[in-house]
Amino acid sequence: MTQREKFDELYNSIIASRSAKNMKILGCMTKKIMYTMIDSHPQLAEEMLNVLEAVNWDNYLTEKEAE
């Protein structure tokens, strides 16, 4: 099993569980990944932040995608 497949399996298991504990674990991991990305790849981090920010909109396209 590749790392990508392993991640997909774990991610899908967490989402399907609807467990607050599991969601917090996923959230903490995502936060750590984003902090690392902000430090090492700020342009990519900005794109990811734009995607996440879309949860606050009715339109789920980023500004760049909407152009």
PDB file of N, CA and C in Angstrom:
ATOM      1  N   MET A   1       0.858  -1.176   0.000  1.00  0.00           N
ATOM      2  CA  MET A   1       0.000   0.000   0.000  1.00  0.00           C
ATOM      3  C   MET A   1       0.903   1.238   0.000  1.00  0.00           C
ATOM      4  N   THR A   2       0.601   2.185  -0.877  1.00  0.00           N
ATOM      5  CA  THR A   2       1.390   3.411  -0.924  1.00  0.00           C
ATOM      6  C   THR A   2       1.006   4.325   0.235  1.00  0.00           C
ATOM      7  N   GLN A   3       1.835   5.320   0.489  1.00  0.00           N
ATOM      8  CA  GLN A   3       1.509   6.290   1.547  1.00  0.00           C
ATOM      9  C   GLN A   3       0.231   7.045   1.209  1.00  0.00           C
ATOM     10  N   ARG A   4       0.037   7.360  -0.057  1.00  0.00           N
ATOM     11  CA  ARG A   4      -1.189   8.053  -0.479  1.00  0.00           C
ATOM     12  C   ARG A   4      -2.419   7.188  -0.204  1.00  0.00           C
ATOM     13  N   GLU A   5      -2.332   5.908  -0.537  1.00  0.00           N
ATOM     14  CA  GLU A   5      -3.447   5.001  -0.277  1.00  0.00           C
ATOM     15  C   GLU A   5      -3.705   4.850   1.217  1.00  0.00           C
ATOM     16  N   LYS A   6      -2.629   4.763   2.001  1.00  0.00           N
ATOM     17  CA  LYS A   6      -2.762   4.649   3.451  1.00  0.00           C
ATOM     18  C   LYS A   6      -3.442   5.894   4.021  1.00  0.00           C
ATOM     19  N   PHE A   7      -3.001   7.080   3.548  1.00  0.00           N
ATOM     20  CA  PHE A   7      -3.625   8.322   4.004  1.00  0.00           C
ATOM     21  C   PHE A   7      -5.103   8.347   3.647  1.00  0.00           C
ATOM     22  N   ASP A   8      -5.431   8.014   2.398  1.00  0.00           N
ATOM     23  CA  ASP A   8      -6.829   8.008   1.962  1.00  0.00           C
ATOM     24  C   ASP A   8      -7.673   7.074   2.829  1.00  0.00           C
ATOM     25  N   GLU A   9      -7.122   5.904   3.140  1.00  0.00           N
ATOM     26  CA  GLU A   9      -7.844   4.946   3.969  1.00  0.00           C
ATOM     27  C   GLU A   9      -8.105   5.515   5.365  1.00  0.00           C
ATOM     28  N   LEU A  10      -7.062   6.081   5.973  1.00  0.00           N
ATOM     29  CA  LEU A  10      -7.220   6.658   7.306  1.00  0.00           C
ATOM     30  C   LEU A  10      -8.161   7.860   7.298  1.00  0.00           C
ATOM     31  N   TYR A  11      -8.007   8.729   6.313  1.00  0.00           N
ATOM     32  CA  TYR A  11      -8.863   9.908   6.191  1.00  0.00           C
ATOM     33  C   TYR A  11     -10.330   9.490   6.075  1.00  0.00           C
ATOM     34  N   ASN A  12     -10.605   8.558   5.185  1.00  0.00           N
ATOM     35  CA  ASN A  12     -11.989   8.107   4.993  1.00  0.00           C
ATOM     36  C   ASN A  12     -12.547   7.457   6.256  1.00  0.00           C
ATOM     37  N   SER A  13     -11.713   6.738   6.976  1.00  0.00           N
ATOM     38  CA  SER A  13     -12.137   6.129   8.231  1.00  0.00           C
ATOM     39  C   SER A  13     -12.490   7.193   9.268  1.00  0.00           C
ATOM     40  N   ILE A  14     -11.669   8.217   9.354  1.00  0.00           N
ATOM     41  CA  ILE A  14     -11.925   9.311  10.308  1.00  0.00           C
ATOM     42  C   ILE A  14     -13.224  10.024   9.967  1.00  0.00           C
ATOM     43  N   ILE A  15     -13.398  10.371   8.699  1.00  0.00           N
ATOM     44  CA  ILE A  15     -14.610  11.087   8.280  1.00  0.00           C
ATOM     45  C   ILE A  15     -15.856  10.227   8.523  1.00  0.00           C
ATOM     46  N   ALA A  16     -15.777   8.959   8.195  1.00  0.00           N
ATOM     47  CA  ALA A  16     -16.930   8.070   8.368  1.00  0.00           C
ATOM     48  C   ALA A  16     -17.269   7.859   9.836  1.00  0.00           C
ATOM     49  N   SER A  17     -16.287   7.970  10.719  1.00  0.00           N
ATOM     50  CA  SER A  17     -16.530   7.706  12.138  1.00  0.00           C
ATOM     51  C   SER A  17     -17.371   8.804  12.796  1.00  0.00           C
ATOM     52  N   ARG A  18     -17.304   9.993  12.283  1.00  0.00           N
ATOM     53  CA  ARG A  18     -18.001  11.155  12.857  1.00  0.00           C
ATOM     54  C   ARG A  18     -17.641  11.371  14.324  1.00  0.00           C
ATOM     55  N   SER A  19     -16.483  10.871  14.711  1.00  0.00           N
ATOM     56  CA  SER A  19     -16.004  10.987  16.085  1.00  0.00           C
ATOM     57  C   SER A  19     -15.314  12.340  16.280  1.00  0.00           C
ATOM     58  N   ALA A  20     -15.732  13.068  17.294  1.00  0.00           N
ATOM     59  CA  ALA A  20     -15.107  14.363  17.591  1.00  0.00           C
ATOM     60  C   ALA A  20     -13.622  14.191  17.902  1.00  0.00           C
ATOM     61  N   LYS A  21     -13.275  13.122  18.608  1.00  0.00           N
ATOM     62  CA  LYS A  21     -11.873  12.847  18.932  1.00  0.00           C
ATOM     63  C   LYS A  21     -11.053  12.640  17.660  1.00  0.00           C
ATOM     64  N   ASN A  22     -11.573  11.834  16.746  1.00  0.00           N
ATOM     65  CA  ASN A  22     -10.871  11.585  15.495  1.00  0.00           C
ATOM     66  C   ASN A  22     -10.758  12.851  14.649  1.00  0.00           C
ATOM     67  N   MET A  23     -11.819  13.649  14.627  1.00  0.00           N
ATOM     68  CA  MET A  23     -11.793  14.904  13.868  1.00  0.00           C
ATOM     69  C   MET A  23     -10.752  15.864  14.447  1.00  0.00           C
ATOM     70  N   LYS A  24     -10.625  15.883  15.771  1.00  0.00           N
ATOM     71  CA  LYS A  24      -9.624  16.741  16.403  1.00  0.00           C
ATOM     72  C   LYS A  24      -8.215  16.288  16.030  1.00  0.00           C
ATOM     73  N   ILE A  25      -7.992  14.984  16.001  1.00  0.00           N
ATOM     74  CA  ILE A  25      -6.692  14.453  15.585  1.00  0.00           C
ATOM     75  C   ILE A  25      -6.391  14.891  14.151  1.00  0.00           C
ATOM     76  N   LEU A  26      -7.360  14.753  13.267  1.00  0.00           N
ATOM     77  CA  LEU A  26      -7.185  15.168  11.874  1.00  0.00           C
ATOM     78  C   LEU A  26      -6.927  16.673  11.790  1.00  0.00           C
ATOM     79  N   GLY A  27      -7.668  17.448  12.568  1.00  0.00           N
ATOM     80  CA  GLY A  27      -7.490  18.898  12.572  1.00  0.00           C
ATOM     81  C   GLY A  27      -6.107  19.309  13.064  1.00  0.00           C
ATOM     82  N   CYS A  28      -5.629  18.669  14.113  1.00  0.00           N
ATOM     83  CA  CYS A  28      -4.291  18.990  14.638  1.00  0.00           C
ATOM     84  C   CYS A  28      -3.206  18.626  13.632  1.00  0.00           C
ATOM     85  N   MET A  29      -3.377  17.512  12.948  1.00  0.00           N
ATOM     86  CA  MET A  29      -2.415  17.111  11.934  1.00  0.00           C
ATOM     87  C   MET A  29      -2.431  18.104  10.773  1.00  0.00           C
ATOM     88  N   THR A  30      -3.613  18.498  10.348  1.00  0.00           N
ATOM     89  CA  THR A  30      -3.743  19.461   9.255  1.00  0.00           C
ATOM     90  C   THR A  30      -3.098  20.785   9.631  1.00  0.00           C
ATOM     91  N   LYS A  31      -3.294  21.217  10.854  1.00  0.00           N
ATOM     92  CA  LYS A  31      -2.697  22.461  11.335  1.00  0.00           C
ATOM     93  C   LYS A  31      -1.172  22.388  11.270  1.00  0.00           C
ATOM     94  N   LYS A  32      -0.607  21.269  11.715  1.00  0.00           N
ATOM     95  CA  LYS A  32       0.844  21.098  11.677  1.00  0.00           C
ATOM     96  C   LYS A  32       1.363  21.117  10.235  1.00  0.00           C
ATOM     97  N   ILE A  33       0.650  20.437   9.347  1.00  0.00           N
ATOM     98  CA  ILE A  33       1.033  20.428   7.932  1.00  0.00           C
ATOM     99  C   ILE A  33       0.981  21.836   7.351  1.00  0.00           C
ATOM    100  N   MET A  34      -0.081  22.593   7.676  1.00  0.00           N
ATOM    101  CA  MET A  34      -0.206  23.956   7.148  1.00  0.00           C
ATOM    102  C   MET A  34       0.912  24.852   7.657  1.00  0.00           C
ATOM    103  N   TYR A  35       1.261  24.754   8.920  1.00  0.00           N
ATOM    104  CA  TYR A  35       2.353  25.567   9.468  1.00  0.00           C
ATOM    105  C   TYR A  35       3.666  25.251   8.758  1.00  0.00           C
ATOM    106  N   THR A  36       3.902  23.968   8.505  1.00  0.00           N
ATOM    107  CA  THR A  36       5.109  23.564   7.775  1.00  0.00           C
ATOM    108  C   THR A  36       5.083  24.118   6.353  1.00  0.00           C
ATOM    109  N   MET A  37       3.923  24.034   5.710  1.00  0.00           N
ATOM    110  CA  MET A  37       3.783  24.535   4.345  1.00  0.00           C
ATOM    111  C   MET A  37       3.951  26.053   4.287  1.00  0.00           C
ATOM    112  N   ILE A  38       3.412  26.766   5.259  1.00  0.00           N
ATOM    113  CA  ILE A  38       3.541  28.229   5.305  1.00  0.00           C
ATOM    114  C   ILE A  38       5.015  28.611   5.367  1.00  0.00           C
ATOM    115  N   ASP A  39       5.802  27.880   6.151  1.00  0.00           N
ATOM    116  CA  ASP A  39       7.227  28.176   6.285  1.00  0.00           C
ATOM    117  C   ASP A  39       8.033  27.777   5.054  1.00  0.00           C
ATOM    118  N   SER A  40       7.675  26.660   4.425  1.00  0.00           N
ATOM    119  CA  SER A  40       8.513  26.144   3.340  1.00  0.00           C
ATOM    120  C   SER A  40       7.985  26.430   1.936  1.00  0.00           C
ATOM    121  N   HIS A  41       6.680  26.567   1.781  1.00  0.00           N
ATOM    122  CA  HIS A  41       6.066  26.797   0.468  1.00  0.00           C
ATOM    123  C   HIS A  41       4.911  27.797   0.605  1.00  0.00           C
ATOM    124  N   PRO A  42       5.233  29.072   0.862  1.00  0.00           N
ATOM    125  CA  PRO A  42       4.174  30.047   1.139  1.00  0.00           C
ATOM    126  C   PRO A  42       3.157  30.215   0.012  1.00  0.00           C
ATOM    127  N   GLN A  43       3.573  30.083  -1.239  1.00  0.00           N
ATOM    128  CA  GLN A  43       2.629  30.229  -2.356  1.00  0.00           C
ATOM    129  C   GLN A  43       1.598  29.100  -2.339  1.00  0.00           C
ATOM    130  N   LEU A  44       2.060  27.880  -2.146  1.00  0.00           N
ATOM    131  CA  LEU A  44       1.147  26.737  -2.054  1.00  0.00           C
ATOM    132  C   LEU A  44       0.243  26.871  -0.828  1.00  0.00           C
ATOM    133  N   ALA A  45       0.804  27.337   0.270  1.00  0.00           N
ATOM    134  CA  ALA A  45       0.007  27.544   1.484  1.00  0.00           C
ATOM    135  C   ALA A  45      -1.102  28.560   1.235  1.00  0.00           C
ATOM    136  N   GLU A  46      -0.794  29.617   0.502  1.00  0.00           N
ATOM    137  CA  GLU A  46      -1.811  30.632   0.176  1.00  0.00           C
ATOM    138  C   GLU A  46      -2.949  30.017  -0.631  1.00  0.00           C
ATOM    139  N   GLU A  47      -2.612  29.162  -1.585  1.00  0.00           N
ATOM    140  CA  GLU A  47      -3.645  28.486  -2.377  1.00  0.00           C
ATOM    141  C   GLU A  47      -4.522  27.604  -1.486  1.00  0.00           C
ATOM    142  N   MET A  48      -3.904  26.878  -0.564  1.00  0.00           N
ATOM    143  CA  MET A  48      -4.663  26.016   0.343  1.00  0.00           C
ATOM    144  C   MET A  48      -5.560  26.841   1.265  1.00  0.00           C
ATOM    145  N   LEU A  49      -5.042  27.968   1.757  1.00  0.00           N
ATOM    146  CA  LEU A  49      -5.845  28.848   2.604  1.00  0.00           C
ATOM    147  C   LEU A  49      -7.044  29.393   1.840  1.00  0.00           C
ATOM    148  N   ASN A  50      -6.850  29.712   0.577  1.00  0.00           N
ATOM    149  CA  ASN A  50      -7.961  30.191  -0.247  1.00  0.00           C
ATOM    150  C   ASN A  50      -9.037  29.123  -0.391  1.00  0.00           C
ATOM    151  N   VAL A  51      -8.627  27.885  -0.541  1.00  0.00           N
ATOM    152  CA  VAL A  51      -9.595  26.788  -0.639  1.00  0.00           C
ATOM    153  C   VAL A  51     -10.346  26.634   0.680  1.00  0.00           C
ATOM    154  N   LEU A  52      -9.619  26.657   1.799  1.00  0.00           N
ATOM    155  CA  LEU A  52     -10.269  26.526   3.105  1.00  0.00           C
ATOM    156  C   LEU A  52     -11.205  27.691   3.391  1.00  0.00           C
ATOM    157  N   GLU A  53     -10.814  28.873   2.968  1.00  0.00           N
ATOM    158  CA  GLU A  53     -11.635  30.056   3.216  1.00  0.00           C
ATOM    159  C   GLU A  53     -12.985  29.955   2.525  1.00  0.00           C
ATOM    160  N   ALA A  54     -13.055  29.143   1.495  1.00  0.00           N
ATOM    161  CA  ALA A  54     -14.299  28.995   0.737  1.00  0.00           C
ATOM    162  C   ALA A  54     -15.444  28.447   1.588  1.00  0.00           C
ATOM    163  N   VAL A  55     -15.164  27.824   2.724  1.00  0.00           N
ATOM    164  CA  VAL A  55     -16.260  27.328   3.564  1.00  0.00           C
ATOM    165  C   VAL A  55     -17.092  28.482   4.116  1.00  0.00           C
ATOM    166  N   ASN A  56     -16.549  29.696   4.069  1.00  0.00           N
ATOM    167  CA  ASN A  56     -17.289  30.872   4.535  1.00  0.00           C
ATOM    168  C   ASN A  56     -18.154  31.501   3.453  1.00  0.00           C
ATOM    169  N   TRP A  57     -18.095  30.973   2.252  1.00  0.00           N
ATOM    170  CA  TRP A  57     -18.824  31.552   1.123  1.00  0.00           C
ATOM    171  C   TRP A  57     -19.933  30.612   0.684  1.00  0.00           C
ATOM    172  N   ASP A  58     -20.881  31.152  -0.067  1.00  0.00           N
ATOM    173  CA  ASP A  58     -21.879  30.312  -0.720  1.00  0.00           C
ATOM    174  C   ASP A  58     -21.290  29.691  -1.977  1.00  0.00           C
ATOM    175  N   ASN A  59     -20.326  30.378  -2.581  1.00  0.00           N
ATOM    176  CA  ASN A  59     -19.648  29.914  -3.790  1.00  0.00           C
ATOM    177  C   ASN A  59     -18.328  29.281  -3.359  1.00  0.00           C
ATOM    178  N   TYR A  60     -18.118  28.014  -3.680  1.00  0.00           N
ATOM    179  CA  TYR A  60     -16.940  27.302  -3.200  1.00  0.00           C
ATOM    180  C   TYR A  60     -15.748  27.373  -4.151  1.00  0.00           C
ATOM    181  N   LEU A  61     -15.757  28.312  -5.097  1.00  0.00           N
ATOM    182  CA  LEU A  61     -14.601  28.541  -5.930  1.00  0.00           C
ATOM    183  C   LEU A  61     -13.699  29.569  -5.263  1.00  0.00           C
ATOM    184  N   THR A  62     -12.385  29.399  -5.401  1.00  0.00           N
ATOM    185  CA  THR A  62     -11.484  30.439  -4.937  1.00  0.00           C
ATOM    186  C   THR A  62     -11.598  31.610  -5.892  1.00  0.00           C
ATOM    187  N   GLU A  63     -11.067  32.769  -5.492  1.00  0.00           N
ATOM    188  CA  GLU A  63     -11.103  33.932  -6.372  1.00  0.00           C
ATOM    189  C   GLU A  63     -10.425  33.622  -7.707  1.00  0.00           C
ATOM    190  N   LYS A  64      -9.296  32.905  -7.642  1.00  0.00           N
ATOM    191  CA  LYS A  64      -8.542  32.557  -8.850  1.00  0.00           C
ATOM    192  C   LYS A  64      -9.361  31.629  -9.750  1.00  0.00           C
ATOM    193  N   GLU A  65     -10.062  30.643  -9.158  1.00  0.00           N
ATOM    194  CA  GLU A  65     -10.877  29.709  -9.932  1.00  0.00           C
ATOM    195  C   GLU A  65     -12.084  30.391 -10.555  1.00  0.00           C
ATOM    196  N   ALA A  66     -12.591  31.408  -9.889  1.00  0.00           N
ATOM    197  CA  ALA A  66     -13.782  32.098 -10.375  1.00  0.00           C
ATOM    198  C   ALA A  66     -13.498  33.003 -11.567  1.00  0.00           C
ATOM    199  N   GLU A  67     -12.237  33.334 -11.805  1.00  0.00           N
ATOM    200  CA  GLU A  67     -11.886  34.232 -12.913  1.00  0.00           C
ATOM    201  C   GLU A  67     -12.097  33.591 -14.247  1.00  0.00           C
TER     202      GLU A  67
END
